[in-house]
Amino acid sequence: MQDPKKLKKRWEFQRAYQKGSKYWNRYFVIYVFHTHFDNLRLGITVSKKVGKSVQRNRVKRLIRESFRQLRPRIKVAYDIVVVGRKEACRLTCQEAENGLLSLFRKASILNDPTRDGTE
């Protein structure tokens, strides 16, 4: 299993916030910044407004797992920051994946935009 590259530095997050494109739904806000490198990187933030650490960590796990499932379908050369919202606490794994998929589709960063997410 390949671990996705992570955004770690504060300036990397700030660059995505300030220069990237923003898309949102009830559960997540994503910032997509086009880089010129040949890799896809993910940053996750979940604020204390979402809940205590148990809820925040669950939202982060949902985001990481959903991203892992969707990763083969996402174009490379992007930094993506996913911000979890309070409503994301009640999601199932499949709902989280569908929520992120719809945002990635809005952002036009999927390799197969015509393909429907249902199997």
PDB file of N, CA and C in Angstrom:
ATOM      1  N   MET A   1       0.843  -1.185   0.000  1.00  0.00           N
ATOM      2  CA  MET A   1       0.000   0.000   0.000  1.00  0.00           C
ATOM      3  C   MET A   1       0.887   1.247   0.000  1.00  0.00           C
ATOM      4  N   GLN A   2       0.621   2.116  -0.945  1.00  0.00           N
ATOM      5  CA  GLN A   2       1.419   3.338  -1.052  1.00  0.00           C
ATOM      6  C   GLN A   2       0.759   4.440  -0.230  1.00  0.00           C
ATOM      7  N   ASP A   3       1.520   5.039   0.665  1.00  0.00           N
ATOM      8  CA  ASP A   3       1.003   6.134   1.478  1.00  0.00           C
ATOM      9  C   ASP A   3       0.980   7.398   0.633  1.00  0.00           C
ATOM     10  N   PRO A   4      -0.161   8.103   0.603  1.00  0.00           N
ATOM     11  CA  PRO A   4      -0.187   9.311  -0.213  1.00  0.00           C
ATOM     12  C   PRO A   4       0.774  10.362   0.321  1.00  0.00           C
ATOM     13  N   LYS A   5       1.349  11.124  -0.567  1.00  0.00           N
ATOM     14  CA  LYS A   5       2.219  12.216  -0.137  1.00  0.00           C
ATOM     15  C   LYS A   5       1.371  13.223   0.617  1.00  0.00           C
ATOM     16  N   LYS A   6       1.924  13.773   1.674  1.00  0.00           N
ATOM     17  CA  LYS A   6       1.155  14.671   2.528  1.00  0.00           C
ATOM     18  C   LYS A   6       1.694  16.086   2.465  1.00  0.00           C
ATOM     19  N   LEU A   7       0.799  17.034   2.609  1.00  0.00           N
ATOM     20  CA  LEU A   7       1.204  18.414   2.829  1.00  0.00           C
ATOM     21  C   LEU A   7       1.507  18.515   4.315  1.00  0.00           C
ATOM     22  N   LYS A   8       2.650  19.056   4.663  1.00  0.00           N
ATOM     23  CA  LYS A   8       3.030  19.113   6.069  1.00  0.00           C
ATOM     24  C   LYS A   8       3.313  20.526   6.554  1.00  0.00           C
ATOM     25  N   LYS A   9       3.895  21.319   5.700  1.00  0.00           N
ATOM     26  CA  LYS A   9       4.318  22.659   6.110  1.00  0.00           C
ATOM     27  C   LYS A   9       3.160  23.650   6.051  1.00  0.00           C
ATOM     28  N   ARG A  10       3.195  24.608   6.958  1.00  0.00           N
ATOM     29  CA  ARG A  10       2.132  25.615   7.013  1.00  0.00           C
ATOM     30  C   ARG A  10       2.039  26.388   5.697  1.00  0.00           C
ATOM     31  N   TRP A  11       3.180  26.715   5.105  1.00  0.00           N
ATOM     32  CA  TRP A  11       3.164  27.501   3.866  1.00  0.00           C
ATOM     33  C   TRP A  11       2.523  26.740   2.717  1.00  0.00           C
ATOM     34  N   GLU A  12       2.611  25.395   2.739  1.00  0.00           N
ATOM     35  CA  GLU A  12       1.976  24.606   1.679  1.00  0.00           C
ATOM     36  C   GLU A  12       0.450  24.714   1.776  1.00  0.00           C
ATOM     37  N   PHE A  13      -0.049  24.670   3.015  1.00  0.00           N
ATOM     38  CA  PHE A  13      -1.489  24.838   3.231  1.00  0.00           C
ATOM     39  C   PHE A  13      -1.912  26.250   2.830  1.00  0.00           C
ATOM     40  N   GLN A  14      -1.126  27.255   3.263  1.00  0.00           N
ATOM     41  CA  GLN A  14      -1.454  28.650   2.957  1.00  0.00           C
ATOM     42  C   GLN A  14      -1.486  28.901   1.449  1.00  0.00           C
ATOM     43  N   ARG A  15      -0.555  28.304   0.738  1.00  0.00           N
ATOM     44  CA  ARG A  15      -0.516  28.472  -0.720  1.00  0.00           C
ATOM     45  C   ARG A  15      -1.794  27.921  -1.351  1.00  0.00           C
ATOM     46  N   ALA A  16      -2.233  26.753  -0.876  1.00  0.00           N
ATOM     47  CA  ALA A  16      -3.469  26.166  -1.407  1.00  0.00           C
ATOM     48  C   ALA A  16      -4.675  27.049  -1.075  1.00  0.00           C
ATOM     49  N   TYR A  17      -4.704  27.584   0.159  1.00  0.00           N
ATOM     50  CA  TYR A  17      -5.822  28.445   0.553  1.00  0.00           C
ATOM     51  C   TYR A  17      -5.865  29.721  -0.285  1.00  0.00           C
ATOM     52  N   GLN A  18      -4.711  30.337  -0.495  1.00  0.00           N
ATOM     53  CA  GLN A  18      -4.685  31.652  -1.131  1.00  0.00           C
ATOM     54  C   GLN A  18      -4.687  31.598  -2.656  1.00  0.00           C
ATOM     55  N   LYS A  19      -3.991  30.625  -3.223  1.00  0.00           N
ATOM     56  CA  LYS A  19      -3.851  30.588  -4.681  1.00  0.00           C
ATOM     57  C   LYS A  19      -4.654  29.479  -5.335  1.00  0.00           C
ATOM     58  N   GLY A  20      -5.163  28.562  -4.535  1.00  0.00           N
ATOM     59  CA  GLY A  20      -5.906  27.446  -5.106  1.00  0.00           C
ATOM     60  C   GLY A  20      -7.361  27.787  -5.349  1.00  0.00           C
ATOM     61  N   SER A  21      -8.059  26.877  -6.022  1.00  0.00           N
ATOM     62  CA  SER A  21      -9.494  27.025  -6.252  1.00  0.00           C
ATOM     63  C   SER A  21     -10.236  26.360  -5.101  1.00  0.00           C
ATOM     64  N   LYS A  22     -11.390  26.932  -4.747  1.00  0.00           N
ATOM     65  CA  LYS A  22     -12.139  26.444  -3.586  1.00  0.00           C
ATOM     66  C   LYS A  22     -13.469  25.859  -4.056  1.00  0.00           C
ATOM     67  N   TYR A  23     -13.785  24.674  -3.527  1.00  0.00           N
ATOM     68  CA  TYR A  23     -15.053  24.006  -3.822  1.00  0.00           C
ATOM     69  C   TYR A  23     -15.592  23.467  -2.509  1.00  0.00           C
ATOM     70  N   TRP A  24     -16.913  23.431  -2.369  1.00  0.00           N
ATOM     71  CA  TRP A  24     -17.458  22.975  -1.091  1.00  0.00           C
ATOM     72  C   TRP A  24     -18.806  22.313  -1.262  1.00  0.00           C
ATOM     73  N   ASN A  25     -19.156  21.506  -0.258  1.00  0.00           N
ATOM     74  CA  ASN A  25     -20.502  20.961  -0.115  1.00  0.00           C
ATOM     75  C   ASN A  25     -20.820  20.930   1.383  1.00  0.00           C
ATOM     76  N   ARG A  26     -21.848  20.202   1.788  1.00  0.00           N
ATOM     77  CA  ARG A  26     -22.256  20.186   3.202  1.00  0.00           C
ATOM     78  C   ARG A  26     -21.175  19.622   4.116  1.00  0.00           C
ATOM     79  N   TYR A  27     -20.359  18.714   3.583  1.00  0.00           N
ATOM     80  CA  TYR A  27     -19.453  17.947   4.433  1.00  0.00           C
ATOM     81  C   TYR A  27     -18.002  18.410   4.379  1.00  0.00           C
ATOM     82  N   PHE A  28     -17.567  18.884   3.231  1.00  0.00           N
ATOM     83  CA  PHE A  28     -16.157  19.206   3.046  1.00  0.00           C
ATOM     84  C   PHE A  28     -15.982  20.502   2.275  1.00  0.00           C
ATOM     85  N   VAL A  29     -14.821  21.120   2.471  1.00  0.00           N
ATOM     86  CA  VAL A  29     -14.354  22.214   1.622  1.00  0.00           C
ATOM     87  C   VAL A  29     -13.014  21.734   1.077  1.00  0.00           C
ATOM     88  N   ILE A  30     -12.818  21.858  -0.221  1.00  0.00           N
ATOM     89  CA  ILE A  30     -11.505  21.477  -0.760  1.00  0.00           C
ATOM     90  C   ILE A  30     -10.869  22.683  -1.450  1.00  0.00           C
ATOM     91  N   TYR A  31      -9.560  22.750  -1.319  1.00  0.00           N
ATOM     92  CA  TYR A  31      -8.750  23.739  -2.011  1.00  0.00           C
ATOM     93  C   TYR A  31      -7.827  22.967  -2.935  1.00  0.00           C
ATOM     94  N   VAL A  32      -7.849  23.307  -4.203  1.00  0.00           N
ATOM     95  CA  VAL A  32      -7.063  22.588  -5.204  1.00  0.00           C
ATOM     96  C   VAL A  32      -6.058  23.553  -5.820  1.00  0.00           C
ATOM     97  N   PHE A  33      -4.787  23.224  -5.666  1.00  0.00           N
ATOM     98  CA  PHE A  33      -3.720  24.059  -6.211  1.00  0.00           C
ATOM     99  C   PHE A  33      -2.924  23.237  -7.214  1.00  0.00           C
ATOM    100  N   HIS A  34      -2.826  23.738  -8.449  1.00  0.00           N
ATOM    101  CA  HIS A  34      -2.088  23.024  -9.494  1.00  0.00           C
ATOM    102  C   HIS A  34      -0.594  23.278  -9.323  1.00  0.00           C
ATOM    103  N   THR A  35       0.168  22.194  -9.166  1.00  0.00           N
ATOM    104  CA  THR A  35       1.624  22.300  -9.070  1.00  0.00           C
ATOM    105  C   THR A  35       2.227  21.808 -10.382  1.00  0.00           C
ATOM    106  N   HIS A  36       3.525  21.925 -10.526  1.00  0.00           N
ATOM    107  CA  HIS A  36       4.169  21.442 -11.744  1.00  0.00           C
ATOM    108  C   HIS A  36       5.028  20.217 -11.449  1.00  0.00           C
ATOM    109  N   PHE A  37       4.713  19.543 -10.347  1.00  0.00           N
ATOM    110  CA  PHE A  37       5.431  18.327  -9.979  1.00  0.00           C
ATOM    111  C   PHE A  37       4.599  17.121 -10.366  1.00  0.00           C
ATOM    112  N   ASP A  38       5.239  15.984 -10.416  1.00  0.00           N
ATOM    113  CA  ASP A  38       4.555  14.784 -10.880  1.00  0.00           C
ATOM    114  C   ASP A  38       4.020  13.962  -9.707  1.00  0.00           C
ATOM    115  N   ASN A  39       3.394  14.638  -8.733  1.00  0.00           N
ATOM    116  CA  ASN A  39       2.787  13.878  -7.646  1.00  0.00           C
ATOM    117  C   ASN A  39       1.547  14.587  -7.128  1.00  0.00           C
ATOM    118  N   LEU A  40       0.736  13.827  -6.449  1.00  0.00           N
ATOM    119  CA  LEU A  40      -0.521  14.301  -5.891  1.00  0.00           C
ATOM    120  C   LEU A  40      -0.365  14.306  -4.383  1.00  0.00           C
ATOM    121  N   ARG A  41      -0.636  15.455  -3.742  1.00  0.00           N
ATOM    122  CA  ARG A  41      -0.445  15.531  -2.295  1.00  0.00           C
ATOM    123  C   ARG A  41      -1.739  15.951  -1.618  1.00  0.00           C
ATOM    124  N   LEU A  42      -1.940  15.415  -0.428  1.00  0.00           N
ATOM    125  CA  LEU A  42      -3.162  15.672   0.328  1.00  0.00           C
ATOM    126  C   LEU A  42      -2.828  16.320   1.657  1.00  0.00           C
ATOM    127  N   GLY A  43      -3.599  17.330   2.023  1.00  0.00           N
ATOM    128  CA  GLY A  43      -3.528  17.932   3.348  1.00  0.00           C
ATOM    129  C   GLY A  43      -4.920  17.874   3.948  1.00  0.00           C
ATOM    130  N   ILE A  44      -5.007  17.601   5.238  1.00  0.00           N
ATOM    131  CA  ILE A  44      -6.313  17.493   5.901  1.00  0.00           C
ATOM    132  C   ILE A  44      -6.333  18.424   7.094  1.00  0.00           C
ATOM    133  N   THR A  45      -7.414  19.193   7.220  1.00  0.00           N
ATOM    134  CA  THR A  45      -7.611  19.989   8.432  1.00  0.00           C
ATOM    135  C   THR A  45      -9.038  19.781   8.914  1.00  0.00           C
ATOM    136  N   VAL A  46      -9.163  19.627  10.208  1.00  0.00           N
ATOM    137  CA  VAL A  46     -10.475  19.528  10.847  1.00  0.00           C
ATOM    138  C   VAL A  46     -10.386  20.365  12.111  1.00  0.00           C
ATOM    139  N   SER A  47     -11.182  21.430  12.179  1.00  0.00           N
ATOM    140  CA  SER A  47     -11.047  22.357  13.301  1.00  0.00           C
ATOM    141  C   SER A  47     -11.758  21.846  14.549  1.00  0.00           C
ATOM    142  N   LYS A  48     -11.488  22.491  15.659  1.00  0.00           N
ATOM    143  CA  LYS A  48     -12.107  22.106  16.922  1.00  0.00           C
ATOM    144  C   LYS A  48     -13.601  22.386  16.939  1.00  0.00           C
ATOM    145  N   LYS A  49     -14.085  23.189  15.998  1.00  0.00           N
ATOM    146  CA  LYS A  49     -15.527  23.430  15.890  1.00  0.00           C
ATOM    147  C   LYS A  49     -16.279  22.145  15.553  1.00  0.00           C
ATOM    148  N   VAL A  50     -15.579  21.212  14.908  1.00  0.00           N
ATOM    149  CA  VAL A  50     -16.212  19.954  14.491  1.00  0.00           C
ATOM    150  C   VAL A  50     -16.576  19.098  15.695  1.00  0.00           C
ATOM    151  N   GLY A  51     -15.741  19.116  16.727  1.00  0.00           N
ATOM    152  CA  GLY A  51     -16.025  18.313  17.910  1.00  0.00           C
ATOM    153  C   GLY A  51     -14.747  18.002  18.661  1.00  0.00           C
ATOM    154  N   LYS A  52     -14.881  17.095  19.593  1.00  0.00           N
ATOM    155  CA  LYS A  52     -13.718  16.693  20.375  1.00  0.00           C
ATOM    156  C   LYS A  52     -12.808  15.816  19.517  1.00  0.00           C
ATOM    157  N   SER A  53     -11.666  15.445  20.060  1.00  0.00           N
ATOM    158  CA  SER A  53     -10.647  14.767  19.268  1.00  0.00           C
ATOM    159  C   SER A  53     -11.148  13.469  18.628  1.00  0.00           C
ATOM    160  N   VAL A  54     -12.040  12.757  19.298  1.00  0.00           N
ATOM    161  CA  VAL A  54     -12.544  11.493  18.747  1.00  0.00           C
ATOM    162  C   VAL A  54     -13.270  11.748  17.427  1.00  0.00           C
ATOM    163  N   GLN A  55     -14.151  12.762  17.427  1.00  0.00           N
ATOM    164  CA  GLN A  55     -14.884  13.082  16.196  1.00  0.00           C
ATOM    165  C   GLN A  55     -13.946  13.625  15.120  1.00  0.00           C
ATOM    166  N   ARG A  56     -13.024  14.484  15.509  1.00  0.00           N
ATOM    167  CA  ARG A  56     -12.099  15.056  14.524  1.00  0.00           C
ATOM    168  C   ARG A  56     -11.248  13.964  13.883  1.00  0.00           C
ATOM    169  N   ASN A  57     -10.755  13.052  14.690  1.00  0.00           N
ATOM    170  CA  ASN A  57      -9.919  11.977  14.155  1.00  0.00           C
ATOM    171  C   ASN A  57     -10.719  11.057  13.247  1.00  0.00           C
ATOM    172  N   ARG A  58     -11.995  10.828  13.571  1.00  0.00           N
ATOM    173  CA  ARG A  58     -12.839   9.990  12.718  1.00  0.00           C
ATOM    174  C   ARG A  58     -13.019  10.651  11.354  1.00  0.00           C
ATOM    175  N   VAL A  59     -13.263  11.961  11.352  1.00  0.00           N
ATOM    176  CA  VAL A  59     -13.420  12.687  10.088  1.00  0.00           C
ATOM    177  C   VAL A  59     -12.132  12.595   9.273  1.00  0.00           C
ATOM    178  N   LYS A  60     -10.986  12.740   9.935  1.00  0.00           N
ATOM    179  CA  LYS A  60      -9.701  12.630   9.219  1.00  0.00           C
ATOM    180  C   LYS A  60      -9.511  11.236   8.623  1.00  0.00           C
ATOM    181  N   ARG A  61      -9.888  10.212   9.389  1.00  0.00           N
ATOM    182  CA  ARG A  61      -9.780   8.835   8.868  1.00  0.00           C
ATOM    183  C   ARG A  61     -10.690   8.630   7.658  1.00  0.00           C
ATOM    184  N   LEU A  62     -11.911   9.176   7.734  1.00  0.00           N
ATOM    185  CA  LEU A  62     -12.837   9.064   6.596  1.00  0.00           C
ATOM    186  C   LEU A  62     -12.258   9.736   5.352  1.00  0.00           C
ATOM    187  N   ILE A  63     -11.685  10.919   5.552  1.00  0.00           N
ATOM    188  CA  ILE A  63     -11.110  11.651   4.417  1.00  0.00           C
ATOM    189  C   ILE A  63      -9.936  10.869   3.823  1.00  0.00           C
ATOM    190  N   ARG A  64      -9.047  10.369   4.693  1.00  0.00           N
ATOM    191  CA  ARG A  64      -7.876   9.619   4.204  1.00  0.00           C
ATOM    192  C   ARG A  64      -8.293   8.374   3.436  1.00  0.00           C
ATOM    193  N   GLU A  65      -9.253   7.619   3.974  1.00  0.00           N
ATOM    194  CA  GLU A  65      -9.683   6.383   3.320  1.00  0.00           C
ATOM    195  C   GLU A  65     -10.394   6.688   1.998  1.00  0.00           C
ATOM    196  N   SER A  66     -11.237   7.710   1.993  1.00  0.00           N
ATOM    197  CA  SER A  66     -11.939   8.082   0.754  1.00  0.00           C
ATOM    198  C   SER A  66     -10.938   8.510  -0.306  1.00  0.00           C
ATOM    199  N   PHE A  67      -9.949   9.287   0.103  1.00  0.00           N
ATOM    200  CA  PHE A  67      -8.919   9.738  -0.834  1.00  0.00           C
ATOM    201  C   PHE A  67      -8.135   8.547  -1.374  1.00  0.00           C
ATOM    202  N   ARG A  68      -7.843   7.586  -0.504  1.00  0.00           N
ATOM    203  CA  ARG A  68      -7.108   6.391  -0.939  1.00  0.00           C
ATOM    204  C   ARG A  68      -7.893   5.636  -2.020  1.00  0.00           C
ATOM    205  N   GLN A  69      -9.214   5.545  -1.820  1.00  0.00           N
ATOM    206  CA  GLN A  69     -10.055   4.856  -2.810  1.00  0.00           C
ATOM    207  C   GLN A  69     -10.120   5.619  -4.139  1.00  0.00           C
ATOM    208  N   LEU A  70     -10.158   6.946  -4.049  1.00  0.00           N
ATOM    209  CA  LEU A  70     -10.335   7.774  -5.246  1.00  0.00           C
ATOM    210  C   LEU A  70      -9.027   8.120  -5.945  1.00  0.00           C
ATOM    211  N   ARG A  71      -7.914   7.926  -5.262  1.00  0.00           N
ATOM    212  CA  ARG A  71      -6.605   8.359  -5.766  1.00  0.00           C
ATOM    213  C   ARG A  71      -6.292   7.924  -7.200  1.00  0.00           C
ATOM    214  N   PRO A  72      -6.577   6.668  -7.596  1.00  0.00           N
ATOM    215  CA  PRO A  72      -6.240   6.277  -8.979  1.00  0.00           C
ATOM    216  C   PRO A  72      -6.992   7.088 -10.035  1.00  0.00           C
ATOM    217  N   ARG A  73      -8.106   7.685  -9.665  1.00  0.00           N
ATOM    218  CA  ARG A  73      -8.922   8.433 -10.626  1.00  0.00           C
ATOM    219  C   ARG A  73      -8.572   9.919 -10.677  1.00  0.00           C
ATOM    220  N   ILE A  74      -7.694  10.389  -9.796  1.00  0.00           N
ATOM    221  CA  ILE A  74      -7.381  11.814  -9.709  1.00  0.00           C
ATOM    222  C   ILE A  74      -6.103  12.109 -10.492  1.00  0.00           C
ATOM    223  N   LYS A  75      -6.126  13.214 -11.231  1.00  0.00           N
ATOM    224  CA  LYS A  75      -4.938  13.619 -11.986  1.00  0.00           C
ATOM    225  C   LYS A  75      -3.814  13.984 -11.020  1.00  0.00           C
ATOM    226  N   VAL A  76      -2.576  13.780 -11.466  1.00  0.00           N
ATOM    227  CA  VAL A  76      -1.429  14.151 -10.637  1.00  0.00           C
ATOM    228  C   VAL A  76      -1.143  15.640 -10.811  1.00  0.00           C
ATOM    229  N   ALA A  77      -0.131  16.136 -10.123  1.00  0.00           N
ATOM    230  CA  ALA A  77       0.300  17.536 -10.179  1.00  0.00           C
ATOM    231  C   ALA A  77      -0.679  18.471  -9.484  1.00  0.00           C
ATOM    232  N   TYR A  78      -1.275  18.003  -8.374  1.00  0.00           N
ATOM    233  CA  TYR A  78      -2.149  18.862  -7.582  1.00  0.00           C
ATOM    234  C   TYR A  78      -1.828  18.719  -6.103  1.00  0.00           C
ATOM    235  N   ASP A  79      -1.962  19.828  -5.390  1.00  0.00           N
ATOM    236  CA  ASP A  79      -2.003  19.803  -3.930  1.00  0.00           C
ATOM    237  C   ASP A  79      -3.460  20.006  -3.567  1.00  0.00           C
ATOM    238  N   ILE A  80      -3.990  19.110  -2.765  1.00  0.00           N
ATOM    239  CA  ILE A  80      -5.397  19.187  -2.373  1.00  0.00           C
ATOM    240  C   ILE A  80      -5.469  19.293  -0.856  1.00  0.00           C
ATOM    241  N   VAL A  81      -6.157  20.308  -0.355  1.00  0.00           N
ATOM    242  CA  VAL A  81      -6.408  20.433   1.077  1.00  0.00           C
ATOM    243  C   VAL A  81      -7.890  20.176   1.283  1.00  0.00           C
ATOM    244  N   VAL A  82      -8.204  19.208   2.144  1.00  0.00           N
ATOM    245  CA  VAL A  82      -9.601  18.900   2.467  1.00  0.00           C
ATOM    246  C   VAL A  82      -9.864  19.371   3.885  1.00  0.00           C
ATOM    247  N   VAL A  83     -10.894  20.192   4.033  1.00  0.00           N
ATOM    248  CA  VAL A  83     -11.295  20.686   5.349  1.00  0.00           C
ATOM    249  C   VAL A  83     -12.594  19.979   5.707  1.00  0.00           C
ATOM    250  N   GLY A  84     -12.581  19.267   6.835  1.00  0.00           N
ATOM    251  CA  GLY A  84     -13.781  18.569   7.281  1.00  0.00           C
ATOM    252  C   GLY A  84     -14.718  19.520   8.009  1.00  0.00           C
ATOM    253  N   ARG A  85     -16.016  19.397   7.741  1.00  0.00           N
ATOM    254  CA  ARG A  85     -17.009  20.225   8.418  1.00  0.00           C
ATOM    255  C   ARG A  85     -17.757  19.386   9.452  1.00  0.00           C
ATOM    256  N   LYS A  86     -18.515  20.057  10.296  1.00  0.00           N
ATOM    257  CA  LYS A  86     -19.210  19.392  11.398  1.00  0.00           C
ATOM    258  C   LYS A  86     -20.140  18.272  10.918  1.00  0.00           C
ATOM    259  N   GLU A  87     -20.828  18.501   9.793  1.00  0.00           N
ATOM    260  CA  GLU A  87     -21.763  17.486   9.277  1.00  0.00           C
ATOM    261  C   GLU A  87     -21.067  16.189   8.882  1.00  0.00           C
ATOM    262  N   ALA A  88     -19.756  16.239   8.640  1.00  0.00           N
ATOM    263  CA  ALA A  88     -19.009  15.055   8.210  1.00  0.00           C
ATOM    264  C   ALA A  88     -18.907  14.006   9.321  1.00  0.00           C
ATOM    265  N   CYS A  89     -19.163  14.392  10.561  1.00  0.00           N
ATOM    266  CA  CYS A  89     -19.083  13.443  11.690  1.00  0.00           C
ATOM    267  C   CYS A  89     -20.043  12.271  11.524  1.00  0.00           C
ATOM    268  N   ARG A  90     -21.176  12.522  10.890  1.00  0.00           N
ATOM    269  CA  ARG A  90     -22.220  11.491  10.803  1.00  0.00           C
ATOM    270  C   ARG A  90     -22.153  10.661   9.529  1.00  0.00           C
ATOM    271  N   LEU A  91     -21.137  10.866   8.719  1.00  0.00           N
ATOM    272  CA  LEU A  91     -21.047  10.157   7.447  1.00  0.00           C
ATOM    273  C   LEU A  91     -20.587   8.717   7.602  1.00  0.00           C
ATOM    274  N   THR A  92     -21.045   7.882   6.677  1.00  0.00           N
ATOM    275  CA  THR A  92     -20.450   6.547   6.536  1.00  0.00           C
ATOM    276  C   THR A  92     -19.265   6.702   5.581  1.00  0.00           C
ATOM    277  N   CYS A  93     -18.479   5.668   5.465  1.00  0.00           N
ATOM    278  CA  CYS A  93     -17.307   5.733   4.584  1.00  0.00           C
ATOM    279  C   CYS A  93     -17.743   5.966   3.131  1.00  0.00           C
ATOM    280  N   GLN A  94     -18.806   5.274   2.705  1.00  0.00           N
ATOM    281  CA  GLN A  94     -19.276   5.426   1.321  1.00  0.00           C
ATOM    282  C   GLN A  94     -19.806   6.830   1.059  1.00  0.00           C
ATOM    283  N   GLU A  95     -20.516   7.394   2.024  1.00  0.00           N
ATOM    284  CA  GLU A  95     -21.033   8.762   1.863  1.00  0.00           C
ATOM    285  C   GLU A  95     -19.893   9.780   1.783  1.00  0.00           C
ATOM    286  N   ALA A  96     -18.858   9.567   2.592  1.00  0.00           N
ATOM    287  CA  ALA A  96     -17.700  10.466   2.562  1.00  0.00           C
ATOM    288  C   ALA A  96     -17.017  10.387   1.194  1.00  0.00           C
ATOM    289  N   GLU A  97     -16.873   9.180   0.692  1.00  0.00           N
ATOM    290  CA  GLU A  97     -16.241   9.003  -0.614  1.00  0.00           C
ATOM    291  C   GLU A  97     -17.060   9.686  -1.706  1.00  0.00           C
ATOM    292  N   ASN A  98     -18.385   9.538  -1.658  1.00  0.00           N
ATOM    293  CA  ASN A  98     -19.247  10.178  -2.652  1.00  0.00           C
ATOM    294  C   ASN A  98     -19.178  11.697  -2.548  1.00  0.00           C
ATOM    295  N   GLY A  99     -19.112  12.209  -1.320  1.00  0.00           N
ATOM    296  CA  GLY A  99     -19.005  13.648  -1.118  1.00  0.00           C
ATOM    297  C   GLY A  99     -17.726  14.216  -1.713  1.00  0.00           C
ATOM    298  N   LEU A 100     -16.607  13.528  -1.470  1.00  0.00           N
ATOM    299  CA  LEU A 100     -15.331  13.981  -2.038  1.00  0.00           C
ATOM    300  C   LEU A 100     -15.315  13.822  -3.559  1.00  0.00           C
ATOM    301  N   LEU A 101     -15.898  12.716  -4.038  1.00  0.00           N
ATOM    302  CA  LEU A 101     -15.933  12.485  -5.482  1.00  0.00           C
ATOM    303  C   LEU A 101     -16.671  13.620  -6.193  1.00  0.00           C
ATOM    304  N   SER A 102     -17.788  14.057  -5.623  1.00  0.00           N
ATOM    305  CA  SER A 102     -18.547  15.137  -6.266  1.00  0.00           C
ATOM    306  C   SER A 102     -17.732  16.429  -6.295  1.00  0.00           C
ATOM    307  N   LEU A 103     -16.965  16.695  -5.223  1.00  0.00           N
ATOM    308  CA  LEU A 103     -16.126  17.895  -5.210  1.00  0.00           C
ATOM    309  C   LEU A 103     -14.980  17.792  -6.214  1.00  0.00           C
ATOM    310  N   PHE A 104     -14.362  16.605  -6.306  1.00  0.00           N
ATOM    311  CA  PHE A 104     -13.278  16.423  -7.272  1.00  0.00           C
ATOM    312  C   PHE A 104     -13.814  16.578  -8.695  1.00  0.00           C
ATOM    313  N   ARG A 105     -15.048  16.123  -8.907  1.00  0.00           N
ATOM    314  CA  ARG A 105     -15.678  16.266 -10.220  1.00  0.00           C
ATOM    315  C   ARG A 105     -15.904  17.754 -10.523  1.00  0.00           C
ATOM    316  N   LYS A 106     -16.391  18.497  -9.518  1.00  0.00           N
ATOM    317  CA  LYS A 106     -16.597  19.955  -9.682  1.00  0.00           C
ATOM    318  C   LYS A 106     -15.282  20.645 -10.023  1.00  0.00           C
ATOM    319  N   ALA A 107     -14.207  20.193  -9.380  1.00  0.00           N
ATOM    320  CA  ALA A 107     -12.894  20.811  -9.578  1.00  0.00           C
ATOM    321  C   ALA A 107     -12.232  20.368 -10.880  1.00  0.00           C
ATOM    322  N   SER A 108     -12.841  19.421 -11.584  1.00  0.00           N
ATOM    323  CA  SER A 108     -12.314  18.894 -12.859  1.00  0.00           C
ATOM    324  C   SER A 108     -10.911  18.319 -12.712  1.00  0.00           C
ATOM    325  N   ILE A 109     -10.685  17.543 -11.652  1.00  0.00           N
ATOM    326  CA  ILE A 109      -9.358  16.942 -11.469  1.00  0.00           C
ATOM    327  C   ILE A 109      -9.405  15.420 -11.584  1.00  0.00           C
ATOM    328  N   LEU A 110     -10.509  14.880 -12.133  1.00  0.00           N
ATOM    329  CA  LEU A 110     -10.603  13.431 -12.318  1.00  0.00           C
ATOM    330  C   LEU A 110     -10.112  13.056 -13.703  1.00  0.00           C
ATOM    331  N   ASN A 111      -9.501  11.868 -13.800  1.00  0.00           N
ATOM    332  CA  ASN A 111      -9.042  11.363 -15.091  1.00  0.00           C
ATOM    333  C   ASN A 111     -10.200  10.940 -15.975  1.00  0.00           C
ATOM    334  N   ASP A 112     -11.306  10.543 -15.352  1.00  0.00           N
ATOM    335  CA  ASP A 112     -12.448  10.009 -16.097  1.00  0.00           C
ATOM    336  C   ASP A 112     -13.724  10.769 -15.741  1.00  0.00           C
ATOM    337  N   PRO A 113     -13.827  12.027 -16.161  1.00  0.00           N
ATOM    338  CA  PRO A 113     -14.968  12.842 -15.738  1.00  0.00           C
ATOM    339  C   PRO A 113     -16.305  12.324 -16.261  1.00  0.00           C
ATOM    340  N   THR A 114     -16.299  11.549 -17.324  1.00  0.00           N
ATOM    341  CA  THR A 114     -17.565  11.075 -17.879  1.00  0.00           C
ATOM    342  C   THR A 114     -18.117   9.882 -17.120  1.00  0.00           C
ATOM    343  N   ARG A 115     -17.226   9.138 -16.468  1.00  0.00           N
ATOM    344  CA  ARG A 115     -17.659   7.916 -15.799  1.00  0.00           C
ATOM    345  C   ARG A 115     -18.421   8.226 -14.523  1.00  0.00           C
ATOM    346  N   ASP A 116     -19.525   7.568 -14.350  1.00  0.00           N
ATOM    347  CA  ASP A 116     -20.337   7.749 -13.157  1.00  0.00           C
ATOM    348  C   ASP A 116     -19.697   6.988 -12.009  1.00  0.00           C
ATOM    349  N   GLY A 117     -19.784   7.515 -10.790  1.00  0.00           N
ATOM    350  CA  GLY A 117     -19.136   6.903  -9.638  1.00  0.00           C
ATOM    351  C   GLY A 117     -19.746   5.606  -9.168  1.00  0.00           C
ATOM    352  N   THR A 118     -20.951   5.250  -9.681  1.00  0.00           N
ATOM    353  CA  THR A 118     -21.600   4.013  -9.239  1.00  0.00           C
ATOM    354  C   THR A 118     -21.089   2.835 -10.031  1.00  0.00           C
ATOM    355  N   GLU A 119     -20.975   1.728  -9.360  1.00  0.00           N
ATOM    356  CA  GLU A 119     -20.477   0.500 -10.023  1.00  0.00           C
ATOM    357  C   GLU A 119     -21.623  -0.397 -10.379  1.00  0.00           C
TER     358      GLU A 119
END
